[in-house]
Amino acid sequence: MRVLLAEDEKRMAAALAALLKQEKYDVDHMADGASALAALESGVYDIAVLDVMMPEMNGFEVARRARDKGISTPILMLTAKSELDDKIAGLDSGADDYLTKPFETRELLARLRALGRRSASFQEGSLSYGDLSLDVSRAELSCRTTGQSVRLGEKELRILEYMFGNQGQIMTREQLAVKIWGFENEAEYNNVEVYMSFTRKKLAFVGSKVEIKAVRGLGYELREKDV
């Protein structure tokens, strides 16, 4: 699960990022509100953790603008203020939850798990599309038509998990690069092409009627083959 962490205080950001990575979250850190909003617009995050007091744009404004743009990513707001009016302002701006500093790490993780369950792309069990079933916990792809199954590599699993969670949408190379490698990673677009080729071979191996179709100039789309 990929988390956007927007926090301008360096020590706090480093501690939170380390904690989340220890808990097996993929984390991208932004130090100001404008960068956080730009990252959210990529559409690749399962959860966003926004500090309220940030340079360029505060967390309330980031949340409000994200919701105005139709971005539905669950948002957890962090703030040093505990007054009721501030909590209401955060929730009214579009945040899903609110946590006051200082906080216990166990409570933060519990709230993230709760938000993760709301995220459309998060599943504890299996995802399905066409004749395919994707067991995320076991990293296994199965085809109901042929009865064949295959184990997936980490990048192949992330590609299919993302595409299964966004059925009917075209995924751009930029979105896939950020989702799989991270916002600040310098992965080249040909990395996307290489791992997309590996993933297509797994689809062919299980004999599925589903394919990953390249849409010229746009990206990739998961679709069932024309009969």
Protein backbone atom coordinates (compact mmCIF):
# COMPACT_ATOMS: atom_id res chain seq x y z
CA MET A 1 0.00 0.00 0.00
CA ARG A 2 1.46 3.38 -1.00
CA VAL A 3 1.21 6.27 1.47
CA LEU A 4 1.82 9.95 0.78
CA LEU A 5 3.39 11.61 3.83
CA ALA A 6 3.29 15.43 3.78
CA GLU A 7 5.24 16.82 6.75
CA ASP A 8 7.71 19.74 6.74
CA GLU A 9 9.39 19.00 10.08
CA LYS A 10 12.41 16.89 9.09
CA ARG A 11 12.78 14.81 12.25
CA MET A 12 9.07 14.03 12.43
CA ALA A 13 8.99 13.15 8.73
CA ALA A 14 12.00 10.84 9.03
CA ALA A 15 10.56 9.08 12.10
CA LEU A 16 7.13 8.61 10.51
CA ALA A 17 8.60 7.38 7.22
CA ALA A 18 10.78 4.86 9.05
CA LEU A 19 7.81 3.63 11.08
CA LEU A 20 5.58 3.22 8.05
CA LYS A 21 8.27 1.43 6.04
CA GLN A 22 8.82 -0.91 8.98
CA GLU A 23 5.10 -1.71 8.78
CA LYS A 24 5.53 -2.58 5.06
CA TYR A 25 3.99 0.61 3.65
CA ASP A 26 5.53 2.20 0.57
CA VAL A 27 6.10 5.85 1.52
CA ASP A 28 6.70 9.03 -0.50
CA HIS A 29 7.52 12.16 1.49
CA MET A 30 6.66 15.74 0.52
CA ALA A 31 7.80 18.74 2.57
CA ASP A 32 5.26 21.34 1.42
CA GLY A 33 1.58 21.54 0.54
CA ALA A 34 1.99 22.33 -3.16
CA SER A 35 4.15 19.25 -3.71
CA ALA A 36 1.69 17.15 -1.71
CA LEU A 37 -1.22 18.26 -3.88
CA ALA A 38 0.74 17.56 -7.07
CA ALA A 39 1.54 14.08 -5.76
CA LEU A 40 -2.09 13.41 -4.86
CA GLU A 41 -3.12 14.39 -8.38
CA SER A 42 -1.14 11.42 -9.71
CA GLY A 43 -3.90 9.18 -8.34
CA VAL A 44 -1.53 6.45 -7.16
CA TYR A 45 -1.83 6.78 -3.38
CA ASP A 46 -3.93 4.55 -1.15
CA ILE A 47 -3.73 6.94 1.83
CA ALA A 48 -2.44 10.49 2.41
CA VAL A 49 -1.12 11.70 5.78
CA LEU A 50 -1.13 15.52 5.78
CA ASP A 51 0.33 17.83 8.39
CA VAL A 52 -1.76 20.98 8.78
CA MET A 53 1.06 23.53 9.10
CA MET A 54 3.13 23.32 5.92
CA PRO A 55 4.78 25.94 3.70
CA GLU A 56 3.16 27.08 0.43
CA MET A 57 -0.20 25.47 1.24
CA ASN A 58 -1.54 24.14 4.54
CA GLY A 59 -3.05 20.69 4.95
CA PHE A 60 -6.62 21.99 5.05
CA GLU A 61 -6.17 23.65 1.65
CA VAL A 62 -4.48 20.58 0.17
CA ALA A 63 -7.41 18.42 1.26
CA ARG A 64 -9.98 20.93 0.00
CA ARG A 65 -8.34 21.28 -3.41
CA ALA A 66 -7.89 17.52 -3.71
CA ARG A 67 -11.59 16.94 -3.07
CA ASP A 68 -12.52 19.73 -5.50
CA LYS A 69 -10.53 17.86 -8.15
CA GLY A 70 -12.44 14.64 -7.44
CA ILE A 71 -9.54 12.91 -5.67
CA SER A 72 -11.03 10.39 -3.23
CA THR A 73 -7.81 9.16 -1.55
CA PRO A 74 -8.46 8.72 2.21
CA ILE A 75 -6.76 11.55 4.15
CA LEU A 76 -5.50 11.52 7.73
CA MET A 77 -4.80 15.04 9.04
CA LEU A 78 -2.02 15.63 11.60
CA THR A 79 -1.95 18.77 13.72
CA ALA A 80 -0.59 20.17 16.96
CA LYS A 81 -3.94 21.82 17.64
CA SER A 82 -6.64 19.95 19.54
CA GLU A 83 -9.41 22.57 19.58
CA LEU A 84 -12.79 21.41 18.34
CA ASP A 85 -12.95 24.16 15.69
CA ASP A 86 -9.68 22.93 14.16
CA LYS A 87 -10.93 19.35 14.04
CA ILE A 88 -14.13 20.48 12.37
CA ALA A 89 -12.17 22.58 9.87
CA GLY A 90 -10.03 19.57 8.99
CA LEU A 91 -12.97 17.25 8.47
CA ASP A 92 -14.92 19.89 6.55
CA SER A 93 -11.96 20.41 4.23
CA GLY A 94 -12.22 16.79 3.13
CA ALA A 95 -10.11 14.84 5.61
CA ASP A 96 -11.40 11.42 6.67
CA ASP A 97 -9.71 11.37 10.07
CA TYR A 98 -7.83 13.66 12.42
CA LEU A 99 -4.93 12.96 14.82
CA THR A 100 -3.47 15.47 17.29
CA LYS A 101 0.26 15.63 18.03
CA PRO A 102 1.80 14.17 20.08
CA PHE A 103 0.25 10.79 19.39
CA GLU A 104 0.98 7.14 20.10
CA THR A 105 2.36 5.26 17.12
CA ARG A 106 -0.06 2.40 17.78
CA GLU A 107 -2.99 4.77 17.36
CA LEU A 108 -1.56 6.18 14.13
CA LEU A 109 -1.12 2.69 12.68
CA ALA A 110 -4.61 1.66 13.78
CA ARG A 111 -6.11 4.71 12.06
CA LEU A 112 -4.13 4.00 8.90
CA ARG A 113 -5.39 0.42 8.87
CA ALA A 114 -8.95 1.70 9.21
CA LEU A 115 -8.46 4.15 6.34
CA GLY A 116 -6.82 1.42 4.29
CA ARG A 117 -9.96 -0.66 4.57
CA ARG A 118 -11.88 2.23 2.98
CA SER A 119 -9.46 2.52 0.08
CA ALA A 120 -10.95 1.01 -3.07
CA SER A 121 -7.61 -0.46 -4.11
CA PHE A 122 -6.95 -2.28 -0.81
CA GLN A 123 -8.02 -5.86 -0.37
CA GLU A 124 -7.00 -8.43 2.21
CA GLY A 125 -8.07 -11.34 0.01
CA SER A 126 -8.49 -11.60 -3.73
CA LEU A 127 -9.17 -9.23 -6.59
CA SER A 128 -10.82 -10.42 -9.77
CA TYR A 129 -11.26 -9.35 -13.36
CA GLY A 130 -12.63 -11.44 -16.22
CA ASP A 131 -11.45 -15.00 -15.71
CA LEU A 132 -8.58 -13.92 -13.46
CA SER A 133 -8.25 -14.00 -9.69
CA LEU A 134 -5.38 -12.21 -7.93
CA ASP A 135 -4.48 -13.37 -4.43
CA VAL A 136 -2.56 -10.35 -3.10
CA SER A 137 -1.38 -11.95 0.14
CA ARG A 138 0.10 -14.95 -1.69
CA ALA A 139 1.21 -13.01 -4.80
CA GLU A 140 -0.56 -15.59 -6.96
CA LEU A 141 -2.48 -15.15 -10.21
CA SER A 142 -5.06 -17.78 -11.19
CA CYS A 143 -7.19 -18.30 -14.27
CA ARG A 144 -10.64 -19.86 -13.85
CA THR A 145 -10.87 -20.78 -17.54
CA THR A 146 -7.79 -23.01 -17.55
CA GLY A 147 -7.29 -23.76 -13.86
CA GLN A 148 -3.68 -22.57 -14.18
CA SER A 149 -1.94 -20.39 -11.60
CA VAL A 150 1.43 -18.68 -11.31
CA ARG A 151 3.45 -16.91 -8.64
CA LEU A 152 4.14 -13.22 -9.31
CA GLY A 153 7.22 -11.13 -8.68
CA GLU A 154 6.81 -8.02 -6.51
CA LYS A 155 6.62 -5.54 -9.41
CA GLU A 156 4.24 -7.79 -11.38
CA LEU A 157 1.99 -8.05 -8.32
CA ARG A 158 1.94 -4.27 -7.85
CA ILE A 159 1.14 -3.67 -11.51
CA LEU A 160 -1.80 -6.10 -11.48
CA GLU A 161 -3.04 -4.98 -8.05
CA TYR A 162 -3.13 -1.38 -9.31
CA MET A 163 -4.80 -2.25 -12.60
CA PHE A 164 -7.36 -4.60 -10.98
CA GLY A 165 -8.24 -1.78 -8.58
CA ASN A 166 -8.76 0.67 -11.46
CA GLN A 167 -10.73 -1.45 -13.92
CA GLY A 168 -11.96 0.35 -17.01
CA GLN A 169 -9.32 3.09 -16.70
CA ILE A 170 -6.21 3.71 -18.75
CA MET A 171 -3.11 3.78 -16.55
CA THR A 172 -0.42 6.13 -17.82
CA ARG A 173 3.27 5.26 -17.70
CA GLU A 174 3.74 8.12 -15.26
CA GLN A 175 1.10 6.72 -12.89
CA LEU A 176 2.58 3.24 -13.05
CA ALA A 177 6.12 4.52 -12.47
CA VAL A 178 5.05 6.47 -9.38
CA LYS A 179 2.85 3.66 -8.05
CA ILE A 180 5.48 0.95 -8.43
CA TRP A 181 8.74 2.81 -7.86
CA GLY A 182 7.70 5.94 -5.91
CA PHE A 183 7.32 9.64 -6.58
CA GLU A 184 10.98 10.58 -6.15
CA ASN A 185 12.43 7.46 -7.74
CA GLU A 186 14.30 8.01 -11.00
CA ALA A 187 13.01 4.85 -12.64
CA GLU A 188 12.95 5.23 -16.40
CA TYR A 189 9.77 4.64 -18.34
CA ASN A 190 11.43 1.67 -20.04
CA ASN A 191 11.37 -0.02 -16.60
CA VAL A 192 7.58 0.13 -16.85
CA GLU A 193 7.75 -1.44 -20.31
CA VAL A 194 10.07 -4.21 -19.12
CA TYR A 195 7.89 -5.21 -16.16
CA MET A 196 4.74 -4.83 -18.22
CA SER A 197 6.24 -7.38 -20.62
CA PHE A 198 6.95 -9.76 -17.71
CA THR A 199 3.37 -9.33 -16.47
CA ARG A 200 1.91 -10.03 -19.90
CA LYS A 201 3.90 -13.26 -20.04
CA LYS A 202 2.30 -14.34 -16.75
CA LEU A 203 -1.16 -13.66 -18.22
CA ALA A 204 -0.24 -15.75 -21.26
CA PHE A 205 1.16 -18.53 -19.07
CA VAL A 206 -2.13 -19.04 -17.20
CA GLY A 207 -4.07 -18.91 -20.51
CA SER A 208 -6.30 -15.99 -19.55
CA LYS A 209 -8.77 -14.23 -21.82
CA VAL A 210 -7.62 -10.98 -20.20
CA GLU A 211 -4.85 -8.89 -21.71
CA ILE A 212 -2.97 -5.68 -20.96
CA LYS A 213 -3.55 -3.48 -23.98
CA ALA A 214 -1.24 -0.60 -24.86
CA VAL A 215 -3.23 2.51 -25.75
CA ARG A 216 -1.09 4.59 -28.09
CA GLY A 217 0.02 7.87 -26.55
CA LEU A 218 -1.86 7.22 -23.30
CA GLY A 219 -0.74 4.12 -21.42
CA TYR A 220 -2.13 0.68 -20.59
CA GLU A 221 -5.58 -0.78 -20.04
CA LEU A 222 -6.71 -4.10 -18.61
CA ARG A 223 -9.37 -5.62 -20.89
CA GLU A 224 -10.84 -8.92 -22.02
CA LYS A 225 -9.73 -10.09 -25.44
CA ASP A 226 -12.13 -9.69 -28.34
CA VAL A 227 -13.73 -13.03 -29.19
